[in-house]
Amino acid sequence: SLMYQQTPFPLAIHPAAVVDIQLAYSTPSRRMGMGRMLEMVPEWLLRNLPDKGQIDFDKFHGLNRRAMPRPLQHSDAEYAIDDLRRIEAILKSQTPPTGSYEAA
Protein backbone atom coordinates (compact mmCIF):
# COMPACT_ATOMS: atom_id res chain seq x y z
CA SER A 1 0.00 0.00 0.00
CA LEU A 2 1.18 3.50 -0.76
CA MET A 3 0.23 4.40 2.81
CA TYR A 4 3.19 2.35 4.10
CA GLN A 5 5.77 3.18 1.43
CA GLN A 6 9.11 4.19 2.92
CA THR A 7 11.53 3.95 -0.02
CA PRO A 8 12.70 5.73 -2.03
CA PHE A 9 10.87 8.22 0.19
CA PRO A 10 7.81 8.12 2.47
CA LEU A 11 4.59 9.30 0.86
CA ALA A 12 2.86 10.00 4.18
CA ILE A 13 -0.59 9.20 2.80
CA HIS A 14 -3.43 9.37 5.34
CA PRO A 15 -6.68 8.22 3.70
CA ALA A 16 -9.99 9.61 4.91
CA ALA A 17 -11.70 6.30 4.12
CA VAL A 18 -11.02 2.93 2.53
CA VAL A 19 -13.39 1.12 0.17
CA ASP A 20 -13.10 -2.52 -0.89
CA ILE A 21 -14.81 -2.31 -4.27
CA GLN A 22 -15.14 -6.07 -4.55
CA LEU A 23 -17.19 -6.13 -1.34
CA ALA A 24 -19.15 -3.03 -2.34
CA TYR A 25 -20.37 -4.48 -5.64
CA SER A 26 -20.66 -8.17 -4.74
CA THR A 27 -23.33 -10.14 -2.96
CA PRO A 28 -22.49 -12.41 -0.03
CA SER A 29 -23.07 -15.46 -2.25
CA ARG A 30 -21.11 -14.27 -5.29
CA ARG A 31 -17.94 -12.17 -5.55
CA MET A 32 -17.69 -9.92 -8.59
CA GLY A 33 -14.26 -9.40 -10.13
CA MET A 34 -13.01 -6.11 -11.50
CA GLY A 35 -13.42 -7.33 -15.08
CA ARG A 36 -17.17 -7.78 -14.59
CA MET A 37 -17.46 -4.40 -12.88
CA LEU A 38 -15.66 -2.76 -15.79
CA GLU A 39 -18.22 -4.16 -18.23
CA MET A 40 -20.74 -1.74 -16.69
CA VAL A 41 -18.49 1.33 -16.88
CA PRO A 42 -19.13 3.80 -19.73
CA GLU A 43 -16.50 3.50 -22.47
CA TRP A 44 -15.40 7.13 -22.20
CA LEU A 45 -14.22 6.56 -18.59
CA LEU A 46 -11.96 3.71 -19.74
CA ARG A 47 -10.53 5.44 -22.80
CA ASN A 48 -6.72 5.19 -23.03
CA LEU A 49 -6.51 2.43 -20.41
CA PRO A 50 -4.81 -0.81 -21.51
CA ASP A 51 -6.54 -4.17 -21.28
CA LYS A 52 -6.91 -5.49 -17.73
CA GLY A 53 -5.48 -8.91 -18.63
CA GLN A 54 -1.97 -7.79 -19.58
CA ILE A 55 -0.34 -9.64 -16.64
CA ASP A 56 -0.86 -13.40 -16.19
CA PHE A 57 -1.33 -13.49 -12.42
CA ASP A 58 -2.30 -17.20 -12.44
CA LYS A 59 1.10 -18.15 -13.86
CA PHE A 60 2.89 -16.63 -10.86
CA HIS A 61 0.31 -17.52 -8.21
CA GLY A 62 0.26 -21.15 -9.42
CA LEU A 63 3.97 -21.29 -8.58
CA ASN A 64 3.34 -19.55 -5.23
CA ARG A 65 5.30 -16.49 -6.38
CA ARG A 66 4.62 -12.78 -6.45
CA ALA A 67 3.12 -11.57 -9.72
CA MET A 68 5.03 -8.32 -9.32
CA PRO A 69 8.37 -8.94 -7.61
CA ARG A 70 10.05 -6.00 -5.92
CA PRO A 71 11.46 -3.65 -6.88
CA LEU A 72 8.64 -3.05 -9.32
CA GLN A 73 9.52 -2.79 -12.97
CA HIS A 74 8.32 0.35 -14.74
CA SER A 75 5.60 -1.64 -16.57
CA ASP A 76 4.32 -3.12 -13.27
CA ALA A 77 4.11 0.33 -11.69
CA GLU A 78 2.15 1.56 -14.73
CA TYR A 79 -0.22 -1.41 -14.39
CA ALA A 80 -0.83 -0.57 -10.71
CA ILE A 81 -1.60 3.06 -11.55
CA ASP A 82 -3.92 1.93 -14.37
CA ASP A 83 -5.74 -0.25 -11.82
CA LEU A 84 -6.25 2.82 -9.60
CA ARG A 85 -7.74 4.61 -12.61
CA ARG A 86 -10.04 1.63 -13.26
CA ILE A 87 -11.20 1.69 -9.64
CA GLU A 88 -11.85 5.42 -9.94
CA ALA A 89 -13.97 4.79 -13.07
CA ILE A 90 -16.01 2.15 -11.24
CA LEU A 91 -16.59 4.42 -8.24
CA LYS A 92 -17.55 7.39 -10.46
CA SER A 93 -20.00 5.47 -12.63
CA GLN A 94 -21.73 2.95 -10.38
CA THR A 95 -23.57 2.75 -7.11
CA PRO A 96 -23.27 -0.38 -4.99
CA PRO A 97 -26.37 -2.61 -5.04
CA THR A 98 -27.04 -1.67 -1.41
CA GLY A 99 -26.81 2.04 -2.29
CA SER A 100 -24.03 2.54 0.24
CA TYR A 101 -20.32 1.82 0.68
CA GLU A 102 -20.79 1.26 4.41
CA ALA A 103 -20.36 -2.53 4.23
CA ALA A 104 -17.26 -2.18 2.05
PDB file of N, CA and C in Angstrom:
ATOM      1  N   SER A   1       0.830  -1.182   0.000  1.00  0.00           N
ATOM      2  CA  SER A   1       0.000   0.000   0.000  1.00  0.00           C
ATOM      3  C   SER A   1       0.877   1.250   0.000  1.00  0.00           C
ATOM      4  N   LEU A   2       0.432   2.245  -0.732  1.00  0.00           N
ATOM      5  CA  LEU A   2       1.183   3.501  -0.764  1.00  0.00           C
ATOM      6  C   LEU A   2       1.237   4.153   0.615  1.00  0.00           C
ATOM      7  N   MET A   3       0.284   3.829   1.459  1.00  0.00           N
ATOM      8  CA  MET A   3       0.235   4.397   2.808  1.00  0.00           C
ATOM      9  C   MET A   3       1.492   4.029   3.611  1.00  0.00           C
ATOM     10  N   TYR A   4       2.051   2.845   3.333  1.00  0.00           N
ATOM     11  CA  TYR A   4       3.192   2.350   4.105  1.00  0.00           C
ATOM     12  C   TYR A   4       4.519   2.471   3.373  1.00  0.00           C
ATOM     13  N   GLN A   5       4.527   3.070   2.195  1.00  0.00           N
ATOM     14  CA  GLN A   5       5.766   3.176   1.430  1.00  0.00           C
ATOM     15  C   GLN A   5       6.797   4.004   2.182  1.00  0.00           C
ATOM     16  N   GLN A   6       8.018   3.478   2.264  1.00  0.00           N
ATOM     17  CA  GLN A   6       9.109   4.188   2.919  1.00  0.00           C
ATOM     18  C   GLN A   6      10.253   4.518   1.953  1.00  0.00           C
ATOM     19  N   THR A   7      10.445   3.697   0.916  1.00  0.00           N
ATOM     20  CA  THR A   7      11.530   3.946  -0.015  1.00  0.00           C
ATOM     21  C   THR A   7      10.984   4.108  -1.429  1.00  0.00           C
ATOM     22  N   PRO A   8      11.524   4.920  -2.268  1.00  0.00           N
ATOM     23  CA  PRO A   8      12.702   5.728  -2.027  1.00  0.00           C
ATOM     24  C   PRO A   8      12.453   6.902  -1.082  1.00  0.00           C
ATOM     25  N   PHE A   9      11.186   7.198  -0.800  1.00  0.00           N
ATOM     26  CA  PHE A   9      10.871   8.221   0.188  1.00  0.00           C
ATOM     27  C   PHE A   9       9.451   7.972   0.692  1.00  0.00           C
ATOM     28  N   PRO A  10       9.163   8.324   1.940  1.00  0.00           N
ATOM     29  CA  PRO A  10       7.814   8.115   2.474  1.00  0.00           C
ATOM     30  C   PRO A  10       6.802   9.031   1.805  1.00  0.00           C
ATOM     31  N   LEU A  11       5.628   8.496   1.477  1.00  0.00           N
ATOM     32  CA  LEU A  11       4.593   9.304   0.856  1.00  0.00           C
ATOM     33  C   LEU A  11       3.680   9.964   1.877  1.00  0.00           C
ATOM     34  N   ALA A  12       3.653   9.420   3.090  1.00  0.00           N
ATOM     35  CA  ALA A  12       2.857   9.999   4.180  1.00  0.00           C
ATOM     36  C   ALA A  12       1.390  10.185   3.794  1.00  0.00           C
ATOM     37  N   ILE A  13       0.814   9.158   3.189  1.00  0.00           N
ATOM     38  CA  ILE A  13      -0.591   9.196   2.796  1.00  0.00           C
ATOM     39  C   ILE A  13      -1.463   8.823   3.989  1.00  0.00           C
ATOM     40  N   HIS A  14      -2.492   9.615   4.239  1.00  0.00           N
ATOM     41  CA  HIS A  14      -3.429   9.366   5.336  1.00  0.00           C
ATOM     42  C   HIS A  14      -4.842   9.401   4.767  1.00  0.00           C
ATOM     43  N   PRO A  15      -5.363   8.234   4.342  1.00  0.00           N
ATOM     44  CA  PRO A  15      -6.683   8.219   3.700  1.00  0.00           C
ATOM     45  C   PRO A  15      -7.801   8.592   4.654  1.00  0.00           C
ATOM     46  N   ALA A  16      -8.806   9.255   4.119  1.00  0.00           N
ATOM     47  CA  ALA A  16      -9.988   9.611   4.905  1.00  0.00           C
ATOM     48  C   ALA A  16     -10.904   8.414   5.060  1.00  0.00           C
ATOM     49  N   ALA A  17     -10.869   7.499   4.074  1.00  0.00           N
ATOM     50  CA  ALA A  17     -11.703   6.303   4.116  1.00  0.00           C
ATOM     51  C   ALA A  17     -11.102   5.264   3.179  1.00  0.00           C
ATOM     52  N   VAL A  18     -11.478   4.033   3.381  1.00  0.00           N
ATOM     53  CA  VAL A  18     -11.022   2.934   2.533  1.00  0.00           C
ATOM     54  C   VAL A  18     -12.253   2.186   2.042  1.00  0.00           C
ATOM     55  N   VAL A  19     -12.268   1.846   0.750  1.00  0.00           N
ATOM     56  CA  VAL A  19     -13.389   1.116   0.169  1.00  0.00           C
ATOM     57  C   VAL A  19     -12.838  -0.131  -0.510  1.00  0.00           C
ATOM     58  N   ASP A  20     -13.413  -1.276  -0.192  1.00  0.00           N
ATOM     59  CA  ASP A  20     -13.100  -2.518  -0.889  1.00  0.00           C
ATOM     60  C   ASP A  20     -14.153  -2.661  -1.984  1.00  0.00           C
ATOM     61  N   ILE A  21     -13.784  -2.334  -3.221  1.00  0.00           N
ATOM     62  CA  ILE A  21     -14.809  -2.311  -4.271  1.00  0.00           C
ATOM     63  C   ILE A  21     -15.381  -3.688  -4.537  1.00  0.00           C
ATOM     64  N   GLN A  22     -14.596  -4.741  -4.328  1.00  0.00           N
ATOM     65  CA  GLN A  22     -15.143  -6.073  -4.546  1.00  0.00           C
ATOM     66  C   GLN A  22     -16.283  -6.343  -3.565  1.00  0.00           C
ATOM     67  N   LEU A  23     -16.110  -5.958  -2.315  1.00  0.00           N
ATOM     68  CA  LEU A  23     -17.187  -6.132  -1.335  1.00  0.00           C
ATOM     69  C   LEU A  23     -18.362  -5.204  -1.630  1.00  0.00           C
ATOM     70  N   ALA A  24     -18.079  -4.011  -2.086  1.00  0.00           N
ATOM     71  CA  ALA A  24     -19.145  -3.031  -2.336  1.00  0.00           C
ATOM     72  C   ALA A  24     -20.087  -3.481  -3.451  1.00  0.00           C
ATOM     73  N   TYR A  25     -19.561  -4.135  -4.480  1.00  0.00           N
ATOM     74  CA  TYR A  25     -20.366  -4.478  -5.642  1.00  0.00           C
ATOM     75  C   TYR A  25     -20.740  -5.960  -5.726  1.00  0.00           C
ATOM     76  N   SER A  26     -20.359  -6.751  -4.741  1.00  0.00           N
ATOM     77  CA  SER A  26     -20.662  -8.171  -4.735  1.00  0.00           C
ATOM     78  C   SER A  26     -21.785  -8.475  -3.757  1.00  0.00           C
ATOM     79  N   THR A  27     -22.355  -9.650  -3.934  1.00  0.00           N
ATOM     80  CA  THR A  27     -23.333 -10.138  -2.960  1.00  0.00           C
ATOM     81  C   THR A  27     -22.607 -11.146  -2.072  1.00  0.00           C
ATOM     82  N   PRO A  28     -23.162 -11.439  -0.902  1.00  0.00           N
ATOM     83  CA  PRO A  28     -22.493 -12.412  -0.026  1.00  0.00           C
ATOM     84  C   PRO A  28     -22.300 -13.783  -0.681  1.00  0.00           C
ATOM     85  N   SER A  29     -23.169 -14.146  -1.617  1.00  0.00           N
ATOM     86  CA  SER A  29     -23.067 -15.458  -2.248  1.00  0.00           C
ATOM     87  C   SER A  29     -22.191 -15.474  -3.503  1.00  0.00           C
ATOM     88  N   ARG A  30     -21.888 -14.301  -4.041  1.00  0.00           N
ATOM     89  CA  ARG A  30     -21.107 -14.267  -5.287  1.00  0.00           C
ATOM     90  C   ARG A  30     -20.212 -13.034  -5.346  1.00  0.00           C
ATOM     91  N   ARG A  31     -18.897 -13.272  -5.430  1.00  0.00           N
ATOM     92  CA  ARG A  31     -17.943 -12.171  -5.550  1.00  0.00           C
ATOM     93  C   ARG A  31     -17.829 -11.743  -7.003  1.00  0.00           C
ATOM     94  N   MET A  32     -17.820 -10.449  -7.231  1.00  0.00           N
ATOM     95  CA  MET A  32     -17.687  -9.917  -8.586  1.00  0.00           C
ATOM     96  C   MET A  32     -16.260  -9.408  -8.766  1.00  0.00           C
ATOM     97  N   GLY A  33     -15.608  -9.855  -9.829  1.00  0.00           N
ATOM     98  CA  GLY A  33     -14.262  -9.403 -10.130  1.00  0.00           C
ATOM     99  C   GLY A  33     -14.275  -8.056 -10.828  1.00  0.00           C
ATOM    100  N   MET A  34     -13.104  -7.434 -10.883  1.00  0.00           N
ATOM    101  CA  MET A  34     -13.012  -6.112 -11.496  1.00  0.00           C
ATOM    102  C   MET A  34     -13.401  -6.149 -12.967  1.00  0.00           C
ATOM    103  N   GLY A  35     -13.069  -7.230 -13.658  1.00  0.00           N
ATOM    104  CA  GLY A  35     -13.423  -7.333 -15.076  1.00  0.00           C
ATOM    105  C   GLY A  35     -14.916  -7.208 -15.304  1.00  0.00           C
ATOM    106  N   ARG A  36     -15.706  -7.868 -14.473  1.00  0.00           N
ATOM    107  CA  ARG A  36     -17.168  -7.781 -14.591  1.00  0.00           C
ATOM    108  C   ARG A  36     -17.658  -6.380 -14.252  1.00  0.00           C
ATOM    109  N   MET A  37     -17.069  -5.764 -13.233  1.00  0.00           N
ATOM    110  CA  MET A  37     -17.463  -4.396 -12.876  1.00  0.00           C
ATOM    111  C   MET A  37     -17.177  -3.444 -14.020  1.00  0.00           C
ATOM    112  N   LEU A  38     -16.051  -3.643 -14.697  1.00  0.00           N
ATOM    113  CA  LEU A  38     -15.655  -2.755 -15.786  1.00  0.00           C
ATOM    114  C   LEU A  38     -16.589  -2.865 -16.986  1.00  0.00           C
ATOM    115  N   GLU A  39     -17.272  -4.005 -17.133  1.00  0.00           N
ATOM    116  CA  GLU A  39     -18.223  -4.164 -18.231  1.00  0.00           C
ATOM    117  C   GLU A  39     -19.380  -3.174 -18.125  1.00  0.00           C
ATOM    118  N   MET A  40     -19.634  -2.670 -16.916  1.00  0.00           N
ATOM    119  CA  MET A  40     -20.745  -1.744 -16.692  1.00  0.00           C
ATOM    120  C   MET A  40     -20.315  -0.277 -16.676  1.00  0.00           C
ATOM    121  N   VAL A  41     -19.025  -0.029 -16.889  1.00  0.00           N
ATOM    122  CA  VAL A  41     -18.495   1.334 -16.878  1.00  0.00           C
ATOM    123  C   VAL A  41     -18.602   1.922 -18.283  1.00  0.00           C
ATOM    124  N   PRO A  42     -19.065   3.169 -18.400  1.00  0.00           N
ATOM    125  CA  PRO A  42     -19.128   3.800 -19.727  1.00  0.00           C
ATOM    126  C   PRO A  42     -17.748   3.825 -20.396  1.00  0.00           C
ATOM    127  N   GLU A  43     -17.743   3.576 -21.683  1.00  0.00           N
ATOM    128  CA  GLU A  43     -16.505   3.498 -22.471  1.00  0.00           C
ATOM    129  C   GLU A  43     -15.614   4.725 -22.294  1.00  0.00           C
ATOM    130  N   TRP A  44     -16.216   5.918 -22.246  1.00  0.00           N
ATOM    131  CA  TRP A  44     -15.403   7.134 -22.195  1.00  0.00           C
ATOM    132  C   TRP A  44     -14.577   7.217 -20.907  1.00  0.00           C
ATOM    133  N   LEU A  45     -15.005   6.546 -19.834  1.00  0.00           N
ATOM    134  CA  LEU A  45     -14.220   6.556 -18.595  1.00  0.00           C
ATOM    135  C   LEU A  45     -13.018   5.617 -18.670  1.00  0.00           C
ATOM    136  N   LEU A  46     -13.047   4.682 -19.615  1.00  0.00           N
ATOM    137  CA  LEU A  46     -11.959   3.710 -19.744  1.00  0.00           C
ATOM    138  C   LEU A  46     -11.036   4.006 -20.915  1.00  0.00           C
ATOM    139  N   ARG A  47     -11.329   5.083 -21.631  1.00  0.00           N
ATOM    140  CA  ARG A  47     -10.525   5.445 -22.798  1.00  0.00           C
ATOM    141  C   ARG A  47      -9.059   5.619 -22.386  1.00  0.00           C
ATOM    142  N   ASN A  48      -8.182   5.106 -23.214  1.00  0.00           N
ATOM    143  CA  ASN A  48      -6.724   5.193 -23.032  1.00  0.00           C
ATOM    144  C   ASN A  48      -6.179   4.288 -21.932  1.00  0.00           C
ATOM    145  N   LEU A  49      -7.012   3.399 -21.376  1.00  0.00           N
ATOM    146  CA  LEU A  49      -6.511   2.430 -20.409  1.00  0.00           C
ATOM    147  C   LEU A  49      -6.239   1.108 -21.128  1.00  0.00           C
ATOM    148  N   PRO A  50      -5.094   0.478 -20.862  1.00  0.00           N
ATOM    149  CA  PRO A  50      -4.806  -0.805 -21.511  1.00  0.00           C
ATOM    150  C   PRO A  50      -5.717  -1.910 -20.977  1.00  0.00           C
ATOM    151  N   ASP A  51      -5.743  -3.024 -21.676  1.00  0.00           N
ATOM    152  CA  ASP A  51      -6.542  -4.174 -21.283  1.00  0.00           C
ATOM    153  C   ASP A  51      -6.150  -4.643 -19.889  1.00  0.00           C
ATOM    154  N   LYS A  52      -7.146  -5.033 -19.103  1.00  0.00           N
ATOM    155  CA  LYS A  52      -6.915  -5.487 -17.729  1.00  0.00           C
ATOM    156  C   LYS A  52      -6.059  -6.747 -17.672  1.00  0.00           C
ATOM    157  N   GLY A  53      -6.155  -7.619 -18.670  1.00  0.00           N
ATOM    158  CA  GLY A  53      -5.482  -8.909 -18.627  1.00  0.00           C
ATOM    159  C   GLY A  53      -4.048  -8.919 -19.119  1.00  0.00           C
ATOM    160  N   GLN A  54      -3.319  -7.831 -19.021  1.00  0.00           N
ATOM    161  CA  GLN A  54      -1.972  -7.791 -19.579  1.00  0.00           C
ATOM    162  C   GLN A  54      -0.929  -8.532 -18.741  1.00  0.00           C
ATOM    163  N   ILE A  55      -1.244  -8.874 -17.489  1.00  0.00           N
ATOM    164  CA  ILE A  55      -0.335  -9.640 -16.639  1.00  0.00           C
ATOM    165  C   ILE A  55      -1.016 -10.956 -16.290  1.00  0.00           C
ATOM    166  N   ASP A  56      -0.318 -12.078 -16.495  1.00  0.00           N
ATOM    167  CA  ASP A  56      -0.861 -13.398 -16.195  1.00  0.00           C
ATOM    168  C   ASP A  56      -0.588 -13.715 -14.724  1.00  0.00           C
ATOM    169  N   PHE A  57      -1.507 -13.273 -13.852  1.00  0.00           N
ATOM    170  CA  PHE A  57      -1.330 -13.488 -12.421  1.00  0.00           C
ATOM    171  C   PHE A  57      -1.363 -14.968 -12.064  1.00  0.00           C
ATOM    172  N   ASP A  58      -2.182 -15.770 -12.749  1.00  0.00           N
ATOM    173  CA  ASP A  58      -2.304 -17.196 -12.436  1.00  0.00           C
ATOM    174  C   ASP A  58      -0.977 -17.929 -12.613  1.00  0.00           C
ATOM    175  N   LYS A  59      -0.201 -17.520 -13.608  1.00  0.00           N
ATOM    176  CA  LYS A  59       1.102 -18.154 -13.858  1.00  0.00           C
ATOM    177  C   LYS A  59       1.991 -18.030 -12.619  1.00  0.00           C
ATOM    178  N   PHE A  60       2.043 -16.860 -12.031  1.00  0.00           N
ATOM    179  CA  PHE A  60       2.888 -16.629 -10.860  1.00  0.00           C
ATOM    180  C   PHE A  60       2.274 -17.230  -9.597  1.00  0.00           C
ATOM    181  N   HIS A  61       0.964 -17.020  -9.404  1.00  0.00           N
ATOM    182  CA  HIS A  61       0.306 -17.522  -8.208  1.00  0.00           C
ATOM    183  C   HIS A  61       0.306 -19.046  -8.177  1.00  0.00           C
ATOM    184  N   GLY A  62       0.214 -19.690  -9.351  1.00  0.00           N
ATOM    185  CA  GLY A  62       0.264 -21.148  -9.422  1.00  0.00           C
ATOM    186  C   GLY A  62       1.599 -21.699  -8.950  1.00  0.00           C
ATOM    187  N   LEU A  63       2.630 -20.899  -9.056  1.00  0.00           N
ATOM    188  CA  LEU A  63       3.965 -21.289  -8.583  1.00  0.00           C
ATOM    189  C   LEU A  63       4.254 -20.733  -7.192  1.00  0.00           C
ATOM    190  N   ASN A  64       3.225 -20.152  -6.558  1.00  0.00           N
ATOM    191  CA  ASN A  64       3.342 -19.549  -5.231  1.00  0.00           C
ATOM    192  C   ASN A  64       4.400 -18.440  -5.215  1.00  0.00           C
ATOM    193  N   ARG A  65       4.364 -17.607  -6.259  1.00  0.00           N
ATOM    194  CA  ARG A  65       5.304 -16.486  -6.377  1.00  0.00           C
ATOM    195  C   ARG A  65       4.537 -15.190  -6.544  1.00  0.00           C
ATOM    196  N   ARG A  66       5.216 -14.097  -6.238  1.00  0.00           N
ATOM    197  CA  ARG A  66       4.616 -12.775  -6.446  1.00  0.00           C
ATOM    198  C   ARG A  66       4.454 -12.519  -7.942  1.00  0.00           C
ATOM    199  N   ALA A  67       3.332 -11.934  -8.314  1.00  0.00           N
ATOM    200  CA  ALA A  67       3.125 -11.574  -9.719  1.00  0.00           C
ATOM    201  C   ALA A  67       3.959 -10.354 -10.081  1.00  0.00           C
ATOM    202  N   MET A  68       4.232  -9.517  -9.095  1.00  0.00           N
ATOM    203  CA  MET A  68       5.027  -8.315  -9.318  1.00  0.00           C
ATOM    204  C   MET A  68       6.154  -8.282  -8.276  1.00  0.00           C
ATOM    205  N   PRO A  69       7.266  -8.939  -8.577  1.00  0.00           N
ATOM    206  CA  PRO A  69       8.369  -8.937  -7.607  1.00  0.00           C
ATOM    207  C   PRO A  69       8.933  -7.539  -7.409  1.00  0.00           C
ATOM    208  N   ARG A  70       9.458  -7.296  -6.219  1.00  0.00           N
ATOM    209  CA  ARG A  70      10.051  -5.996  -5.916  1.00  0.00           C
ATOM    210  C   ARG A  70      11.529  -6.000  -6.226  1.00  0.00           C
ATOM    211  N   PRO A  71      12.119  -4.929  -6.595  1.00  0.00           N
ATOM    212  CA  PRO A  71      11.462  -3.654  -6.881  1.00  0.00           C
ATOM    213  C   PRO A  71      10.615  -3.767  -8.149  1.00  0.00           C
ATOM    214  N   LEU A  72       9.543  -3.011  -8.173  1.00  0.00           N
ATOM    215  CA  LEU A  72       8.638  -3.048  -9.320  1.00  0.00           C
ATOM    216  C   LEU A  72       9.337  -2.557 -10.580  1.00  0.00           C
ATOM    217  N   GLN A  73       9.077  -3.265 -11.671  1.00  0.00           N
ATOM    218  CA  GLN A  73       9.523  -2.791 -12.972  1.00  0.00           C
ATOM    219  C   GLN A  73       8.622  -1.624 -13.372  1.00  0.00           C
ATOM    220  N   HIS A  74       9.085  -0.804 -14.282  1.00  0.00           N
ATOM    221  CA  HIS A  74       8.315   0.349 -14.745  1.00  0.00           C
ATOM    222  C   HIS A  74       6.936  -0.083 -15.244  1.00  0.00           C
ATOM    223  N   SER A  75       6.870  -1.178 -16.014  1.00  0.00           N
ATOM    224  CA  SER A  75       5.597  -1.644 -16.566  1.00  0.00           C
ATOM    225  C   SER A  75       4.638  -2.103 -15.464  1.00  0.00           C
ATOM    226  N   ASP A  76       5.169  -2.704 -14.388  1.00  0.00           N
ATOM    227  CA  ASP A  76       4.321  -3.125 -13.267  1.00  0.00           C
ATOM    228  C   ASP A  76       3.762  -1.921 -12.517  1.00  0.00           C
ATOM    229  N   ALA A  77       4.581  -0.902 -12.355  1.00  0.00           N
ATOM    230  CA  ALA A  77       4.111   0.326 -11.694  1.00  0.00           C
ATOM    231  C   ALA A  77       3.012   0.990 -12.532  1.00  0.00           C
ATOM    232  N   GLU A  78       3.187   1.008 -13.849  1.00  0.00           N
ATOM    233  CA  GLU A  78       2.148   1.559 -14.733  1.00  0.00           C
ATOM    234  C   GLU A  78       0.850   0.764 -14.605  1.00  0.00           C
ATOM    235  N   TYR A  79       0.959  -0.559 -14.532  1.00  0.00           N
ATOM    236  CA  TYR A  79      -0.215  -1.415 -14.388  1.00  0.00           C
ATOM    237  C   TYR A  79      -0.951  -1.075 -13.085  1.00  0.00           C
ATOM    238  N   ALA A  80      -0.215  -0.900 -12.002  1.00  0.00           N
ATOM    239  CA  ALA A  80      -0.829  -0.575 -10.707  1.00  0.00           C
ATOM    240  C   ALA A  80      -1.556   0.770 -10.772  1.00  0.00           C
ATOM    241  N   ILE A  81      -0.955   1.755 -11.412  1.00  0.00           N
ATOM    242  CA  ILE A  81      -1.602   3.062 -11.555  1.00  0.00           C
ATOM    243  C   ILE A  81      -2.841   2.949 -12.432  1.00  0.00           C
ATOM    244  N   ASP A  82      -2.746   2.151 -13.511  1.00  0.00           N
ATOM    245  CA  ASP A  82      -3.916   1.933 -14.374  1.00  0.00           C
ATOM    246  C   ASP A  82      -5.051   1.285 -13.585  1.00  0.00           C
ATOM    247  N   ASP A  83      -4.716   0.370 -12.666  1.00  0.00           N
ATOM    248  CA  ASP A  83      -5.743  -0.246 -11.821  1.00  0.00           C
ATOM    249  C   ASP A  83      -6.416   0.799 -10.927  1.00  0.00           C
ATOM    250  N   LEU A  84      -5.645   1.732 -10.401  1.00  0.00           N
ATOM    251  CA  LEU A  84      -6.248   2.817  -9.603  1.00  0.00           C
ATOM    252  C   LEU A  84      -7.209   3.636 -10.456  1.00  0.00           C
ATOM    253  N   ARG A  85      -6.852   3.860 -11.700  1.00  0.00           N
ATOM    254  CA  ARG A  85      -7.735   4.610 -12.611  1.00  0.00           C
ATOM    255  C   ARG A  85      -8.996   3.807 -12.925  1.00  0.00           C
ATOM    256  N   ARG A  86      -8.861   2.477 -13.046  1.00  0.00           N
ATOM    257  CA  ARG A  86     -10.037   1.633 -13.265  1.00  0.00           C
ATOM    258  C   ARG A  86     -10.973   1.689 -12.056  1.00  0.00           C
ATOM    259  N   ILE A  87     -10.393   1.614 -10.864  1.00  0.00           N
ATOM    260  CA  ILE A  87     -11.200   1.692  -9.635  1.00  0.00           C
ATOM    261  C   ILE A  87     -11.921   3.032  -9.568  1.00  0.00           C
ATOM    262  N   GLU A  88     -11.224   4.094  -9.917  1.00  0.00           N
ATOM    263  CA  GLU A  88     -11.846   5.420  -9.938  1.00  0.00           C
ATOM    264  C   GLU A  88     -13.031   5.447 -10.905  1.00  0.00           C
ATOM    265  N   ALA A  89     -12.875   4.830 -12.083  1.00  0.00           N
ATOM    266  CA  ALA A  89     -13.965   4.795 -13.074  1.00  0.00           C
ATOM    267  C   ALA A  89     -15.169   4.032 -12.528  1.00  0.00           C
ATOM    268  N   ILE A  90     -14.922   2.930 -11.833  1.00  0.00           N
ATOM    269  CA  ILE A  90     -16.009   2.155 -11.235  1.00  0.00           C
ATOM    270  C   ILE A  90     -16.735   2.991 -10.188  1.00  0.00           C
ATOM    271  N   LEU A  91     -15.979   3.620  -9.308  1.00  0.00           N
ATOM    272  CA  LEU A  91     -16.586   4.417  -8.237  1.00  0.00           C
ATOM    273  C   LEU A  91     -17.360   5.618  -8.780  1.00  0.00           C
ATOM    274  N   LYS A  92     -16.871   6.225  -9.878  1.00  0.00           N
ATOM    275  CA  LYS A  92     -17.547   7.389 -10.464  1.00  0.00           C
ATOM    276  C   LYS A  92     -18.830   7.023 -11.194  1.00  0.00           C
ATOM    277  N   SER A  93     -18.901   5.791 -11.732  1.00  0.00           N
ATOM    278  CA  SER A  93     -20.000   5.470 -12.633  1.00  0.00           C
ATOM    279  C   SER A  93     -21.055   4.526 -12.059  1.00  0.00           C
ATOM    280  N   GLN A  94     -20.809   3.944 -10.908  1.00  0.00           N
ATOM    281  CA  GLN A  94     -21.734   2.946 -10.385  1.00  0.00           C
ATOM    282  C   GLN A  94     -22.035   3.182  -8.912  1.00  0.00           C
ATOM    283  N   THR A  95     -23.177   2.728  -8.517  1.00  0.00           N
ATOM    284  CA  THR A  95     -23.571   2.752  -7.114  1.00  0.00           C
ATOM    285  C   THR A  95     -23.663   1.309  -6.647  1.00  0.00           C
ATOM    286  N   PRO A  96     -23.155   0.996  -5.472  1.00  0.00           N
ATOM    287  CA  PRO A  96     -23.265  -0.380  -4.991  1.00  0.00           C
ATOM    288  C   PRO A  96     -24.725  -0.815  -4.924  1.00  0.00           C
ATOM    289  N   PRO A  97     -24.995  -2.116  -5.080  1.00  0.00           N
ATOM    290  CA  PRO A  97     -26.367  -2.607  -5.038  1.00  0.00           C
ATOM    291  C   PRO A  97     -27.115  -2.199  -3.770  1.00  0.00           C
ATOM    292  N   THR A  98     -26.404  -2.064  -2.665  1.00  0.00           N
ATOM    293  CA  THR A  98     -27.042  -1.672  -1.411  1.00  0.00           C
ATOM    294  C   THR A  98     -27.301  -0.165  -1.353  1.00  0.00           C
ATOM    295  N   GLY A  99     -26.675   0.591  -2.289  1.00  0.00           N
ATOM    296  CA  GLY A  99     -26.815   2.038  -2.287  1.00  0.00           C
ATOM    297  C   GLY A  99     -25.827   2.742  -1.382  1.00  0.00           C
ATOM    298  N   SER A 100     -24.971   1.965  -0.705  1.00  0.00           N
ATOM    299  CA  SER A 100     -24.026   2.535   0.244  1.00  0.00           C
ATOM    300  C   SER A 100     -22.703   1.763   0.211  1.00  0.00           C
ATOM    301  N   TYR A 101     -21.634   2.453   0.567  1.00  0.00           N
ATOM    302  CA  TYR A 101     -20.317   1.820   0.682  1.00  0.00           C
ATOM    303  C   TYR A 101     -20.043   1.383   2.118  1.00  0.00           C
ATOM    304  N   GLU A 102     -21.001   1.524   2.985  1.00  0.00           N
ATOM    305  CA  GLU A 102     -20.795   1.261   4.407  1.00  0.00           C
ATOM    306  C   GLU A 102     -20.253  -0.149   4.671  1.00  0.00           C
ATOM    307  N   ALA A 103     -20.789  -1.161   4.005  1.00  0.00           N
ATOM    308  CA  ALA A 103     -20.355  -2.532   4.232  1.00  0.00           C
ATOM    309  C   ALA A 103     -18.968  -2.796   3.646  1.00  0.00           C
ATOM    310  N   ALA A 104     -18.547  -1.965   2.725  1.00  0.00           N
ATOM    311  CA  ALA A 104     -17.260  -2.184   2.053  1.00  0.00           C
ATOM    312  C   ALA A 104     -16.145  -1.499   2.818  1.00  0.00           C
TER     313      ALA A 104
END
